[in-house]
Each structure stands twice: as structure tokens, then as C-alpha cells.
């Protein structure tokens, strides 16, 4: 399992998928359902996830 404490900042959907050991589409679906909060950045609207939100999600599991 990947570590959350590598550096400050936001995580990509791919990084979150690796941390949670799920497919990237699962992370996207969870964002769509509001299970995991994503922030949209840049002109393409790429998803970014806060390390704190992912840690809280893990703690609830």
C-alpha cells in the first residue's frame, strides 16, 4: 500500500487508486457519488484529492 505522508499537496485519481488498491474508475465513481471528495483543477477539470480526505476515508474503512 502506498504511503500518504510523502509530501504535502493533492493526489491524482491514479495515486488515490493505488493507495486504496482499487481501480481508477472506482475512485472516479466514488467522486461522482460523493463518497470521496474531489477538487477540479485546471482547464480540463482534472480531479485532485486532498491527502487528509483520503486518510479520513481510510480511517472509516
C-alpha atoms as a PDB file:
ATOM      1  CA  UNK A   1       0.000   0.000   0.000  1.00  0.00           C
ATOM      2  CA  UNK A   2       1.307   3.461  -0.857  1.00  0.00           C
ATOM      3  CA  UNK A   3       2.056   5.958   1.875  1.00  0.00           C
ATOM      4  CA  UNK A   4       0.123   9.187   2.385  1.00  0.00           C
ATOM      5  CA  UNK A   5       2.913  11.132   4.073  1.00  0.00           C
ATOM      6  CA  UNK A   6       5.258  11.540   1.076  1.00  0.00           C
ATOM      7  CA  UNK A   7       4.682  15.278   0.683  1.00  0.00           C
ATOM      8  CA  UNK A   8       2.049  17.966   1.079  1.00  0.00           C
ATOM      9  CA  UNK A   9      -0.420  18.683  -1.660  1.00  0.00           C
ATOM     10  CA  UNK A  10      -3.084  16.969  -3.630  1.00  0.00           C
ATOM     11  CA  UNK A  11      -3.283  13.463  -5.051  1.00  0.00           C
ATOM     12  CA  UNK A  12      -4.363  12.430  -8.531  1.00  0.00           C
ATOM     13  CA  UNK A  13      -7.111   9.859  -9.051  1.00  0.00           C
ATOM     14  CA  UNK A  14      -4.453   7.336 -10.084  1.00  0.00           C
ATOM     15  CA  UNK A  15      -2.486   7.899  -6.872  1.00  0.00           C
ATOM     16  CA  UNK A  16      -5.642   7.505  -4.777  1.00  0.00           C
ATOM     17  CA  UNK A  17      -6.492   4.294  -6.636  1.00  0.00           C
ATOM     18  CA  UNK A  18      -3.054   2.884  -5.807  1.00  0.00           C
ATOM     19  CA  UNK A  19      -3.321   3.899  -2.146  1.00  0.00           C
ATOM     20  CA  UNK A  20      -6.780   2.341  -1.801  1.00  0.00           C
ATOM     21  CA  UNK A  21      -5.940  -0.657  -4.011  1.00  0.00           C
ATOM     22  CA  UNK A  22      -8.923  -0.095  -6.294  1.00  0.00           C
ATOM     23  CA  UNK A  23      -9.364   0.661  -9.991  1.00  0.00           C
ATOM     24  CA  UNK A  24      -9.150   4.307 -11.041  1.00  0.00           C
ATOM     25  CA  UNK A  25     -12.734   4.131 -12.312  1.00  0.00           C
ATOM     26  CA  UNK A  26     -13.840   3.211  -8.786  1.00  0.00           C
ATOM     27  CA  UNK A  27     -12.224   6.392  -7.472  1.00  0.00           C
ATOM     28  CA  UNK A  28     -13.988   8.406 -10.182  1.00  0.00           C
ATOM     29  CA  UNK A  29     -17.310   6.738  -9.370  1.00  0.00           C
ATOM     30  CA  UNK A  30     -16.863   7.462  -5.652  1.00  0.00           C
ATOM     31  CA  UNK A  31     -16.286  11.110  -6.545  1.00  0.00           C
ATOM     32  CA  UNK A  32     -19.464  11.149  -8.620  1.00  0.00           C
ATOM     33  CA  UNK A  33     -21.465   9.624  -5.769  1.00  0.00           C
ATOM     34  CA  UNK A  34     -19.941  11.929  -3.162  1.00  0.00           C
ATOM     35  CA  UNK A  35     -18.232   9.121  -1.273  1.00  0.00           C
ATOM     36  CA  UNK A  36     -14.815  10.736  -1.736  1.00  0.00           C
ATOM     37  CA  UNK A  37     -14.479  14.491  -2.319  1.00  0.00           C
ATOM     38  CA  UNK A  38     -12.547  15.588  -5.424  1.00  0.00           C
ATOM     39  CA  UNK A  39     -11.478  19.087  -6.351  1.00  0.00           C
ATOM     40  CA  UNK A  40     -11.427  20.043 -10.015  1.00  0.00           C
ATOM     41  CA  UNK A  41      -8.314  21.870 -11.193  1.00  0.00           C
ATOM     42  CA  UNK A  42      -7.021  23.301 -14.433  1.00  0.00           C
ATOM     43  CA  UNK A  43      -8.814  23.957 -17.693  1.00  0.00           C
ATOM     44  CA  UNK A  44      -9.583  20.247 -18.212  1.00  0.00           C
ATOM     45  CA  UNK A  45     -11.141  19.891 -14.782  1.00  0.00           C
ATOM     46  CA  UNK A  46      -8.749  17.183 -13.610  1.00  0.00           C
ATOM     47  CA  UNK A  47      -9.639  15.585 -10.281  1.00  0.00           C
ATOM     48  CA  UNK A  48      -7.422  16.114  -7.263  1.00  0.00           C
ATOM     49  CA  UNK A  49      -7.968  14.644  -3.816  1.00  0.00           C
ATOM     50  CA  UNK A  50      -6.649  16.024  -0.556  1.00  0.00           C
ATOM     51  CA  UNK A  51      -4.386  13.712   1.417  1.00  0.00           C
ATOM     52  CA  UNK A  52      -6.427  14.487   4.522  1.00  0.00           C
ATOM     53  CA  UNK A  53      -9.701  13.406   2.857  1.00  0.00           C
ATOM     54  CA  UNK A  54      -8.121  10.138   1.703  1.00  0.00           C
ATOM     55  CA  UNK A  55      -6.707   9.486   5.188  1.00  0.00           C
ATOM     56  CA  UNK A  56     -10.156  10.070   6.719  1.00  0.00           C
ATOM     57  CA  UNK A  57     -11.696   7.742   4.154  1.00  0.00           C
ATOM     58  CA  UNK A  58      -9.179   5.051   5.084  1.00  0.00           C
ATOM     59  CA  UNK A  59      -9.823   5.555   8.786  1.00  0.00           C
ATOM     60  CA  UNK A  60     -13.565   4.982   8.249  1.00  0.00           C
ATOM     61  CA  UNK A  61     -12.982   1.672   6.474  1.00  0.00           C
END
